[in-house]
Amino acid sequence: MFNWIKNMFGAGAKEQVWVSKPKVEVKKTVTKPIVIKPAFKNKKELAKLTKGKMEEIGRTYGVELDKRKKKDALVNELWKAIKK
């Protein structure tokens, strides 16, 4: 009976050996999104766009436009960025 109690509380149990699993490295590949820059022939096409759309297009060309400016100033600034 005492053996049964010892086994119940782990005194007679065999020692367990834990083996860790080998670490597997996962390499993540990061791809850059393809950015297609819209083509404009002249300033008149830019003037047809809204300020918000001009701001988005300016970001593709690496220019941050300030929508608080007048639309003509934004068109000129964006046109200079496009023609670089």
C-alpha atoms as a PDB file:
ATOM      1  CA  MET A   1       0.000   0.000   0.000  1.00  0.00           C
ATOM      2  CA  PHE A   2       2.833   2.387   0.763  1.00  0.00           C
ATOM      3  CA  ASN A   3       4.308   1.707  -2.678  1.00  0.00           C
ATOM      4  CA  TRP A   4       1.023   2.696  -4.243  1.00  0.00           C
ATOM      5  CA  ILE A   5       1.031   6.024  -2.327  1.00  0.00           C
ATOM      6  CA  LYS A   6       4.685   6.660  -3.260  1.00  0.00           C
ATOM      7  CA  ASN A   7       3.910   6.048  -6.930  1.00  0.00           C
ATOM      8  CA  MET A   8       0.891   8.316  -6.716  1.00  0.00           C
ATOM      9  CA  PHE A   9       2.978  11.251  -5.458  1.00  0.00           C
ATOM     10  CA  GLY A  10       5.879  10.581  -7.806  1.00  0.00           C
ATOM     11  CA  ALA A  11       8.449   9.156  -5.389  1.00  0.00           C
ATOM     12  CA  GLY A  12       8.685   5.899  -7.290  1.00  0.00           C
ATOM     13  CA  ALA A  13       8.284   7.441 -10.749  1.00  0.00           C
ATOM     14  CA  LYS A  14      11.076   7.366 -13.267  1.00  0.00           C
ATOM     15  CA  GLU A  15      12.817  10.600 -14.047  1.00  0.00           C
ATOM     16  CA  GLN A  16      11.554  12.174 -17.253  1.00  0.00           C
ATOM     17  CA  VAL A  17      13.997  13.598 -19.743  1.00  0.00           C
ATOM     18  CA  TRP A  18      12.743  16.408 -21.963  1.00  0.00           C
ATOM     19  CA  VAL A  19      14.277  16.697 -25.388  1.00  0.00           C
ATOM     20  CA  SER A  20      13.931  20.024 -27.079  1.00  0.00           C
ATOM     21  CA  LYS A  21      13.015  20.196 -30.741  1.00  0.00           C
ATOM     22  CA  PRO A  22      15.566  21.694 -33.104  1.00  0.00           C
ATOM     23  CA  LYS A  23      14.862  25.310 -34.027  1.00  0.00           C
ATOM     24  CA  VAL A  24      13.856  25.854 -37.599  1.00  0.00           C
ATOM     25  CA  GLU A  25      14.610  29.244 -39.106  1.00  0.00           C
ATOM     26  CA  VAL A  26      12.072  30.630 -41.521  1.00  0.00           C
ATOM     27  CA  LYS A  27      13.316  33.249 -43.920  1.00  0.00           C
ATOM     28  CA  LYS A  28      10.754  35.801 -45.001  1.00  0.00           C
ATOM     29  CA  THR A  29      11.145  37.441 -48.344  1.00  0.00           C
ATOM     30  CA  VAL A  30      10.010  41.028 -48.543  1.00  0.00           C
ATOM     31  CA  THR A  31       8.985  42.309 -51.916  1.00  0.00           C
ATOM     32  CA  LYS A  32       8.430  45.938 -52.708  1.00  0.00           C
ATOM     33  CA  PRO A  33       5.141  46.825 -54.332  1.00  0.00           C
ATOM     34  CA  ILE A  34       5.307  47.895 -57.944  1.00  0.00           C
ATOM     35  CA  VAL A  35       4.389  51.541 -58.282  1.00  0.00           C
ATOM     36  CA  ILE A  36       3.120  52.626 -61.657  1.00  0.00           C
ATOM     37  CA  LYS A  37       3.549  56.336 -62.144  1.00  0.00           C
ATOM     38  CA  PRO A  38       0.728  57.910 -64.129  1.00  0.00           C
ATOM     39  CA  ALA A  39       1.778  59.777 -67.276  1.00  0.00           C
ATOM     40  CA  PHE A  40       0.542  63.297 -67.944  1.00  0.00           C
ATOM     41  CA  LYS A  41       1.067  65.191 -71.187  1.00  0.00           C
ATOM     42  CA  ASN A  42       0.506  68.700 -69.876  1.00  0.00           C
ATOM     43  CA  LYS A  43      -0.593  70.811 -66.922  1.00  0.00           C
ATOM     44  CA  LYS A  44      -4.208  70.913 -68.139  1.00  0.00           C
ATOM     45  CA  GLU A  45      -4.609  67.217 -67.366  1.00  0.00           C
ATOM     46  CA  LEU A  46      -3.279  67.811 -63.848  1.00  0.00           C
ATOM     47  CA  ALA A  47      -5.655  70.738 -63.343  1.00  0.00           C
ATOM     48  CA  LYS A  48      -8.629  68.415 -63.932  1.00  0.00           C
ATOM     49  CA  LEU A  49      -7.714  66.359 -60.865  1.00  0.00           C
ATOM     50  CA  THR A  50      -8.818  67.070 -57.306  1.00  0.00           C
ATOM     51  CA  LYS A  51      -6.349  68.222 -54.661  1.00  0.00           C
ATOM     52  CA  GLY A  52      -6.569  64.860 -52.914  1.00  0.00           C
ATOM     53  CA  LYS A  53      -5.812  62.932 -56.095  1.00  0.00           C
ATOM     54  CA  MET A  54      -2.888  65.265 -56.848  1.00  0.00           C
ATOM     55  CA  GLU A  55      -1.533  64.598 -53.377  1.00  0.00           C
ATOM     56  CA  GLU A  56      -1.679  60.821 -53.960  1.00  0.00           C
ATOM     57  CA  ILE A  57       0.055  61.137 -57.328  1.00  0.00           C
ATOM     58  CA  GLY A  58       2.674  63.413 -55.797  1.00  0.00           C
ATOM     59  CA  ARG A  59       3.558  60.702 -53.281  1.00  0.00           C
ATOM     60  CA  THR A  60       4.316  58.262 -56.108  1.00  0.00           C
ATOM     61  CA  TYR A  61       6.798  60.824 -57.435  1.00  0.00           C
ATOM     62  CA  GLY A  62       8.289  61.448 -53.988  1.00  0.00           C
ATOM     63  CA  VAL A  63       6.687  64.856 -53.395  1.00  0.00           C
ATOM     64  CA  GLU A  64       4.487  65.701 -50.428  1.00  0.00           C
ATOM     65  CA  LEU A  65       1.923  68.293 -51.499  1.00  0.00           C
ATOM     66  CA  ASP A  66       0.136  70.577 -49.063  1.00  0.00           C
ATOM     67  CA  LYS A  67      -3.595  70.635 -49.848  1.00  0.00           C
ATOM     68  CA  ARG A  68      -3.971  73.989 -48.092  1.00  0.00           C
ATOM     69  CA  LYS A  69      -2.284  75.704 -51.044  1.00  0.00           C
ATOM     70  CA  LYS A  70      -4.160  76.885 -54.106  1.00  0.00           C
ATOM     71  CA  LYS A  71      -4.756  74.375 -56.844  1.00  0.00           C
ATOM     72  CA  ASP A  72      -2.562  76.267 -59.354  1.00  0.00           C
ATOM     73  CA  ALA A  73       0.398  76.112 -56.973  1.00  0.00           C
ATOM     74  CA  LEU A  74      -0.128  72.376 -56.490  1.00  0.00           C
ATOM     75  CA  VAL A  75      -0.312  71.804 -60.246  1.00  0.00           C
ATOM     76  CA  ASN A  76       2.967  73.685 -60.781  1.00  0.00           C
ATOM     77  CA  GLU A  77       4.730  71.841 -57.963  1.00  0.00           C
ATOM     78  CA  LEU A  78       3.542  68.450 -59.185  1.00  0.00           C
ATOM     79  CA  TRP A  79       4.429  69.256 -62.787  1.00  0.00           C
ATOM     80  CA  LYS A  80       8.006  70.084 -61.744  1.00  0.00           C
ATOM     81  CA  ALA A  81       8.233  66.738 -59.937  1.00  0.00           C
ATOM     82  CA  ILE A  82       6.897  64.831 -62.933  1.00  0.00           C
ATOM     83  CA  LYS A  83       9.315  66.441 -65.372  1.00  0.00           C
ATOM     84  CA  LYS A  84      12.438  65.649 -63.278  1.00  0.00           C
END
